[in-house]
PDB file of all heavy atoms in Angstrom:
ATOM      1  N   ARG A   1       0.844  -1.190   0.000  1.00  0.00           N
ATOM      2  CA  ARG A   1       0.000   0.000   0.000  1.00  0.00           C
ATOM      3  C   ARG A   1       0.881   1.242   0.000  1.00  0.00           C
ATOM      4  O   ARG A   1       2.012   1.204   0.442  1.00  0.00           O
ATOM      5  CB  ARG A   1      -0.855   0.027   1.262  1.00  0.00           C
ATOM      6  CG  ARG A   1      -1.830  -1.094   1.366  1.00  0.00           C
ATOM      7  CD  ARG A   1      -3.177  -0.535   1.088  1.00  0.00           C
ATOM      8  NE  ARG A   1      -4.203  -1.554   1.168  1.00  0.00           N
ATOM      9  CZ  ARG A   1      -5.192  -1.609   0.332  1.00  0.00           C
ATOM     10  NH1 ARG A   1      -5.283  -0.746  -0.640  1.00  0.00           N
ATOM     11  NH2 ARG A   1      -6.110  -2.514   0.447  1.00  0.00           N
ATOM     12  N   PRO A   2       0.347   2.379  -0.463  1.00  0.00           N
ATOM     13  CA  PRO A   2       1.140   3.600  -0.389  1.00  0.00           C
ATOM     14  C   PRO A   2       1.269   4.055   1.055  1.00  0.00           C
ATOM     15  O   PRO A   2       0.481   3.668   1.923  1.00  0.00           O
ATOM     16  CB  PRO A   2       0.311   4.597  -1.201  1.00  0.00           C
ATOM     17  CG  PRO A   2      -1.077   4.105  -1.089  1.00  0.00           C
ATOM     18  CD  PRO A   2      -0.962   2.605  -1.055  1.00  0.00           C
ATOM     19  N   LYS A   3       2.247   4.866   1.304  1.00  0.00           N
ATOM     20  CA  LYS A   3       2.408   5.443   2.635  1.00  0.00           C
ATOM     21  C   LYS A   3       1.519   6.680   2.697  1.00  0.00           C
ATOM     22  O   LYS A   3       1.701   7.621   1.930  1.00  0.00           O
ATOM     23  CB  LYS A   3       3.861   5.808   2.893  1.00  0.00           C
ATOM     24  CG  LYS A   3       4.075   6.363   4.274  1.00  0.00           C
ATOM     25  CD  LYS A   3       5.524   6.544   4.589  1.00  0.00           C
ATOM     26  CE  LYS A   3       5.624   7.134   5.977  1.00  0.00           C
ATOM     27  NZ  LYS A   3       6.594   6.524   6.789  1.00  0.00           N
ATOM     28  N   VAL A   4       0.547   6.656   3.592  1.00  0.00           N
ATOM     29  CA  VAL A   4      -0.385   7.769   3.732  1.00  0.00           C
ATOM     30  C   VAL A   4      -0.065   8.468   5.042  1.00  0.00           C
ATOM     31  O   VAL A   4      -0.109   7.857   6.108  1.00  0.00           O
ATOM     32  CB  VAL A   4      -1.851   7.282   3.711  1.00  0.00           C
ATOM     33  CG1 VAL A   4      -2.799   8.461   3.801  1.00  0.00           C
ATOM     34  CG2 VAL A   4      -2.121   6.480   2.450  1.00  0.00           C
ATOM     35  N   LYS A   5       0.288   9.763   4.939  1.00  0.00           N
ATOM     36  CA  LYS A   5       0.740  10.518   6.110  1.00  0.00           C
ATOM     37  C   LYS A   5      -0.257  11.611   6.459  1.00  0.00           C
ATOM     38  O   LYS A   5      -0.703  12.351   5.590  1.00  0.00           O
ATOM     39  CB  LYS A   5       2.105  11.147   5.829  1.00  0.00           C
ATOM     40  CG  LYS A   5       3.213  10.131   5.672  1.00  0.00           C
ATOM     41  CD  LYS A   5       4.505  10.737   5.181  1.00  0.00           C
ATOM     42  CE  LYS A   5       4.946  11.929   5.975  1.00  0.00           C
ATOM     43  NZ  LYS A   5       6.253  12.447   5.547  1.00  0.00           N
ATOM     44  N   LEU A   6      -0.557  11.708   7.729  1.00  0.00           N
ATOM     45  CA  LEU A   6      -1.389  12.782   8.249  1.00  0.00           C
ATOM     46  C   LEU A   6      -0.475  13.958   8.579  1.00  0.00           C
ATOM     47  O   LEU A   6       0.354  13.876   9.481  1.00  0.00           O
ATOM     48  CB  LEU A   6      -2.139  12.313   9.501  1.00  0.00           C
ATOM     49  CG  LEU A   6      -2.987  13.330  10.236  1.00  0.00           C
ATOM     50  CD1 LEU A   6      -4.112  13.838   9.345  1.00  0.00           C
ATOM     51  CD2 LEU A   6      -3.551  12.715  11.506  1.00  0.00           C
ATOM     52  N   ASN A   7      -0.597  15.044   7.808  1.00  0.00           N
ATOM     53  CA  ASN A   7       0.250  16.226   8.032  1.00  0.00           C
ATOM     54  C   ASN A   7      -0.150  17.001   9.269  1.00  0.00           C
ATOM     55  O   ASN A   7       0.679  17.420  10.052  1.00  0.00           O
ATOM     56  CB  ASN A   7       0.168  17.176   6.839  1.00  0.00           C
ATOM     57  CG  ASN A   7       1.174  16.831   5.787  1.00  0.00           C
ATOM     58  OD1 ASN A   7       1.986  15.943   5.969  1.00  0.00           O
ATOM     59  ND2 ASN A   7       1.105  17.530   4.680  1.00  0.00           N
ATOM     60  N   ARG A   8      -1.457  17.216   9.401  1.00  0.00           N
ATOM     61  CA  ARG A   8      -1.927  18.044  10.508  1.00  0.00           C
ATOM     62  C   ARG A   8      -3.315  17.570  10.908  1.00  0.00           C
ATOM     63  O   ARG A   8      -4.161  17.302  10.059  1.00  0.00           O
ATOM     64  CB  ARG A   8      -1.985  19.500  10.070  1.00  0.00           C
ATOM     65  CG  ARG A   8      -2.458  20.431  11.152  1.00  0.00           C
ATOM     66  CD  ARG A   8      -2.414  21.880  10.748  1.00  0.00           C
ATOM     67  NE  ARG A   8      -2.459  22.070   9.314  1.00  0.00           N
ATOM     68  CZ  ARG A   8      -2.423  23.239   8.717  1.00  0.00           C
ATOM     69  NH1 ARG A   8      -2.323  24.331   9.413  1.00  0.00           N
ATOM     70  NH2 ARG A   8      -2.476  23.341   7.410  1.00  0.00           N
ATOM     71  N   LEU A   9      -3.540  17.465  12.207  1.00  0.00           N
ATOM     72  CA  LEU A   9      -4.839  17.111  12.764  1.00  0.00           C
ATOM     73  C   LEU A   9      -5.266  18.250  13.677  1.00  0.00           C
ATOM     74  O   LEU A   9      -4.630  18.513  14.692  1.00  0.00           O
ATOM     75  CB  LEU A   9      -4.759  15.793  13.546  1.00  0.00           C
ATOM     76  CG  LEU A   9      -6.024  15.340  14.271  1.00  0.00           C
ATOM     77  CD1 LEU A   9      -7.180  15.161  13.293  1.00  0.00           C
ATOM     78  CD2 LEU A   9      -5.758  14.034  15.000  1.00  0.00           C
ATOM     79  N   THR A  10      -6.323  18.939  13.286  1.00  0.00           N
ATOM     80  CA  THR A  10      -6.832  20.066  14.061  1.00  0.00           C
ATOM     81  C   THR A  10      -8.102  19.618  14.765  1.00  0.00           C
ATOM     82  O   THR A  10      -8.999  19.041  14.141  1.00  0.00           O
ATOM     83  CB  THR A  10      -7.139  21.265  13.145  1.00  0.00           C
ATOM     84  OG1 THR A  10      -5.980  21.536  12.362  1.00  0.00           O
ATOM     85  CG2 THR A  10      -7.510  22.482  13.954  1.00  0.00           C
ATOM     86  N   PHE A  11      -8.161  19.883  16.068  1.00  0.00           N
ATOM     87  CA  PHE A  11      -9.278  19.410  16.885  1.00  0.00           C
ATOM     88  C   PHE A  11      -9.734  20.553  17.783  1.00  0.00           C
ATOM     89  O   PHE A  11      -8.906  21.283  18.342  1.00  0.00           O
ATOM     90  CB  PHE A  11      -8.803  18.220  17.734  1.00  0.00           C
ATOM     91  CG  PHE A  11      -9.910  17.337  18.223  1.00  0.00           C
ATOM     92  CD1 PHE A  11     -10.431  16.349  17.420  1.00  0.00           C
ATOM     93  CD2 PHE A  11     -10.431  17.511  19.495  1.00  0.00           C
ATOM     94  CE1 PHE A  11     -11.455  15.538  17.861  1.00  0.00           C
ATOM     95  CE2 PHE A  11     -11.453  16.705  19.958  1.00  0.00           C
ATOM     96  CZ  PHE A  11     -11.971  15.712  19.139  1.00  0.00           C
ATOM     97  N   PRO A  12     -11.047  20.742  17.965  1.00  0.00           N
ATOM     98  CA  PRO A  12     -11.526  21.837  18.814  1.00  0.00           C
ATOM     99  C   PRO A  12     -11.248  21.565  20.288  1.00  0.00           C
ATOM    100  O   PRO A  12     -11.038  20.423  20.699  1.00  0.00           O
ATOM    101  CB  PRO A  12     -13.033  21.871  18.536  1.00  0.00           C
ATOM    102  CG  PRO A  12     -13.367  20.497  18.088  1.00  0.00           C
ATOM    103  CD  PRO A  12     -12.144  19.976  17.385  1.00  0.00           C
ATOM    104  N   SER A  13     -11.250  22.618  21.064  1.00  0.00           N
ATOM    105  CA  SER A  13     -11.011  22.448  22.499  1.00  0.00           C
ATOM    106  C   SER A  13     -12.341  22.162  23.200  1.00  0.00           C
ATOM    107  O   SER A  13     -13.232  23.011  23.249  1.00  0.00           O
ATOM    108  CB  SER A  13     -10.347  23.695  23.082  1.00  0.00           C
ATOM    109  OG  SER A  13     -11.182  24.811  22.894  1.00  0.00           O
ATOM    110  N   ILE A  14     -12.476  20.940  23.663  1.00  0.00           N
ATOM    111  CA  ILE A  14     -13.637  20.483  24.412  1.00  0.00           C
ATOM    112  C   ILE A  14     -13.122  19.686  25.598  1.00  0.00           C
ATOM    113  O   ILE A  14     -11.935  19.333  25.646  1.00  0.00           O
ATOM    114  CB  ILE A  14     -14.577  19.602  23.544  1.00  0.00           C
ATOM    115  CG1 ILE A  14     -13.830  18.345  23.060  1.00  0.00           C
ATOM    116  CG2 ILE A  14     -15.139  20.384  22.371  1.00  0.00           C
ATOM    117  CD1 ILE A  14     -14.727  17.302  22.469  1.00  0.00           C
ATOM    118  N   PRO A  15     -13.970  19.371  26.567  1.00  0.00           N
ATOM    119  CA  PRO A  15     -13.517  18.488  27.645  1.00  0.00           C
ATOM    120  C   PRO A  15     -13.088  17.134  27.077  1.00  0.00           C
ATOM    121  O   PRO A  15     -13.712  16.613  26.151  1.00  0.00           O
ATOM    122  CB  PRO A  15     -14.756  18.349  28.526  1.00  0.00           C
ATOM    123  CG  PRO A  15     -15.580  19.551  28.232  1.00  0.00           C
ATOM    124  CD  PRO A  15     -15.310  19.899  26.800  1.00  0.00           C
ATOM    125  N   ASP A  16     -12.026  16.573  27.604  1.00  0.00           N
ATOM    126  CA  ASP A  16     -11.456  15.296  27.145  1.00  0.00           C
ATOM    127  C   ASP A  16     -10.971  15.363  25.699  1.00  0.00           C
ATOM    128  O   ASP A  16     -10.957  14.356  24.989  1.00  0.00           O
ATOM    129  CB  ASP A  16     -12.447  14.141  27.295  1.00  0.00           C
ATOM    130  CG  ASP A  16     -12.777  13.826  28.734  1.00  0.00           C
ATOM    131  OD1 ASP A  16     -11.927  14.097  29.608  1.00  0.00           O
ATOM    132  OD2 ASP A  16     -13.880  13.297  28.997  1.00  0.00           O
ATOM    133  N   ALA A  17     -10.557  16.530  25.241  1.00  0.00           N
ATOM    134  CA  ALA A  17     -10.139  16.696  23.847  1.00  0.00           C
ATOM    135  C   ALA A  17      -8.955  15.801  23.492  1.00  0.00           C
ATOM    136  O   ALA A  17      -8.923  15.233  22.402  1.00  0.00           O
ATOM    137  CB  ALA A  17      -9.792  18.153  23.565  1.00  0.00           C
ATOM    138  N   SER A  18      -7.986  15.662  24.389  1.00  0.00           N
ATOM    139  CA  SER A  18      -6.809  14.850  24.061  1.00  0.00           C
ATOM    140  C   SER A  18      -7.193  13.382  23.871  1.00  0.00           C
ATOM    141  O   SER A  18      -6.662  12.709  22.984  1.00  0.00           O
ATOM    142  CB  SER A  18      -5.734  14.994  25.131  1.00  0.00           C
ATOM    143  OG  SER A  18      -6.206  14.516  26.369  1.00  0.00           O
ATOM    144  N   TYR A  19      -8.112  12.878  24.680  1.00  0.00           N
ATOM    145  CA  TYR A  19      -8.566  11.490  24.534  1.00  0.00           C
ATOM    146  C   TYR A  19      -9.245  11.302  23.179  1.00  0.00           C
ATOM    147  O   TYR A  19      -8.946  10.358  22.444  1.00  0.00           O
ATOM    148  CB  TYR A  19      -9.524  11.118  25.668  1.00  0.00           C
ATOM    149  CG  TYR A  19     -10.134   9.753  25.470  1.00  0.00           C
ATOM    150  CD1 TYR A  19      -9.427   8.600  25.795  1.00  0.00           C
ATOM    151  CD2 TYR A  19     -11.400   9.612  24.917  1.00  0.00           C
ATOM    152  CE1 TYR A  19      -9.971   7.344  25.596  1.00  0.00           C
ATOM    153  CE2 TYR A  19     -11.950   8.363  24.708  1.00  0.00           C
ATOM    154  CZ  TYR A  19     -11.234   7.235  25.050  1.00  0.00           C
ATOM    155  OH  TYR A  19     -11.776   5.994  24.838  1.00  0.00           O
ATOM    156  N   TYR A  20     -10.181  12.205  22.845  1.00  0.00           N
ATOM    157  CA  TYR A  20     -10.910  12.088  21.585  1.00  0.00           C
ATOM    158  C   TYR A  20      -9.998  12.309  20.380  1.00  0.00           C
ATOM    159  O   TYR A  20     -10.158  11.669  19.340  1.00  0.00           O
ATOM    160  CB  TYR A  20     -12.085  13.066  21.545  1.00  0.00           C
ATOM    161  CG  TYR A  20     -13.166  12.729  22.542  1.00  0.00           C
ATOM    162  CD1 TYR A  20     -13.667  13.693  23.404  1.00  0.00           C
ATOM    163  CD2 TYR A  20     -13.686  11.442  22.633  1.00  0.00           C
ATOM    164  CE1 TYR A  20     -14.667  13.392  24.318  1.00  0.00           C
ATOM    165  CE2 TYR A  20     -14.677  11.127  23.541  1.00  0.00           C
ATOM    166  CZ  TYR A  20     -15.165  12.106  24.380  1.00  0.00           C
ATOM    167  OH  TYR A  20     -16.145  11.796  25.281  1.00  0.00           O
ATOM    168  N   LYS A  21      -9.015  13.185  20.507  1.00  0.00           N
ATOM    169  CA  LYS A  21      -8.071  13.422  19.418  1.00  0.00           C
ATOM    170  C   LYS A  21      -7.239  12.168  19.156  1.00  0.00           C
ATOM    171  O   LYS A  21      -7.011  11.793  18.002  1.00  0.00           O
ATOM    172  CB  LYS A  21      -7.166  14.604  19.752  1.00  0.00           C
ATOM    173  CG  LYS A  21      -6.275  15.027  18.627  1.00  0.00           C
ATOM    174  CD  LYS A  21      -5.492  16.283  18.973  1.00  0.00           C
ATOM    175  CE  LYS A  21      -4.615  16.721  17.835  1.00  0.00           C
ATOM    176  NZ  LYS A  21      -3.879  17.958  18.144  1.00  0.00           N
ATOM    177  N   ASN A  22      -6.799  11.488  20.219  1.00  0.00           N
ATOM    178  CA  ASN A  22      -6.050  10.239  20.048  1.00  0.00           C
ATOM    179  C   ASN A  22      -6.923   9.156  19.429  1.00  0.00           C
ATOM    180  O   ASN A  22      -6.464   8.394  18.566  1.00  0.00           O
ATOM    181  CB  ASN A  22      -5.495   9.763  21.393  1.00  0.00           C
ATOM    182  CG  ASN A  22      -4.357  10.617  21.875  1.00  0.00           C
ATOM    183  OD1 ASN A  22      -3.683  11.278  21.099  1.00  0.00           O
ATOM    184  ND2 ASN A  22      -4.147  10.630  23.187  1.00  0.00           N
ATOM    185  N   HIS A  23      -8.173   9.084  19.855  1.00  0.00           N
ATOM    186  CA  HIS A  23      -9.093   8.107  19.267  1.00  0.00           C
ATOM    187  C   HIS A  23      -9.288   8.391  17.774  1.00  0.00           C
ATOM    188  O   HIS A  23      -9.277   7.473  16.955  1.00  0.00           O
ATOM    189  CB  HIS A  23     -10.443   8.128  19.989  1.00  0.00           C
ATOM    190  CG  HIS A  23     -11.478   7.283  19.323  1.00  0.00           C
ATOM    191  ND1 HIS A  23     -11.478   5.907  19.424  1.00  0.00           N
ATOM    192  CD2 HIS A  23     -12.522   7.608  18.526  1.00  0.00           C
ATOM    193  CE1 HIS A  23     -12.485   5.431  18.716  1.00  0.00           C
ATOM    194  NE2 HIS A  23     -13.136   6.444  18.166  1.00  0.00           N
ATOM    195  N   LEU A  24      -9.452   9.654  17.437  1.00  0.00           N
ATOM    196  CA  LEU A  24      -9.617  10.042  16.036  1.00  0.00           C
ATOM    197  C   LEU A  24      -8.370   9.709  15.223  1.00  0.00           C
ATOM    198  O   LEU A  24      -8.473   9.202  14.098  1.00  0.00           O
ATOM    199  CB  LEU A  24      -9.933  11.532  15.939  1.00  0.00           C
ATOM    200  CG  LEU A  24     -10.095  12.093  14.534  1.00  0.00           C
ATOM    201  CD1 LEU A  24     -11.237  11.409  13.794  1.00  0.00           C
ATOM    202  CD2 LEU A  24     -10.316  13.594  14.590  1.00  0.00           C
ATOM    203  N   ALA A  25      -7.196   9.954  15.760  1.00  0.00           N
ATOM    204  CA  ALA A  25      -5.948   9.638  15.043  1.00  0.00           C
ATOM    205  C   ALA A  25      -5.848   8.141  14.766  1.00  0.00           C
ATOM    206  O   ALA A  25      -5.442   7.737  13.672  1.00  0.00           O
ATOM    207  CB  ALA A  25      -4.748  10.120  15.846  1.00  0.00           C
ATOM    208  N   ARG A  26      -6.228   7.317  15.734  1.00  0.00           N
ATOM    209  CA  ARG A  26      -6.226   5.859  15.510  1.00  0.00           C
ATOM    210  C   ARG A  26      -7.250   5.464  14.453  1.00  0.00           C
ATOM    211  O   ARG A  26      -6.981   4.606  13.598  1.00  0.00           O
ATOM    212  CB  ARG A  26      -6.492   5.120  16.818  1.00  0.00           C
ATOM    213  CG  ARG A  26      -5.335   5.143  17.792  1.00  0.00           C
ATOM    214  CD  ARG A  26      -5.546   4.198  18.965  1.00  0.00           C
ATOM    215  NE  ARG A  26      -6.810   4.385  19.640  1.00  0.00           N
ATOM    216  CZ  ARG A  26      -7.039   5.215  20.668  1.00  0.00           C
ATOM    217  NH1 ARG A  26      -6.039   5.947  21.132  1.00  0.00           N
ATOM    218  NH2 ARG A  26      -8.228   5.308  21.217  1.00  0.00           N
TER     219      ARG A  26
END
């Protein structure tokens, strides 16, 4: 498969944002 790279992930500031951002990245 090709190498697919995520350059930037922008996420709004909400409670538990870091948890949801990590879940979204996965």
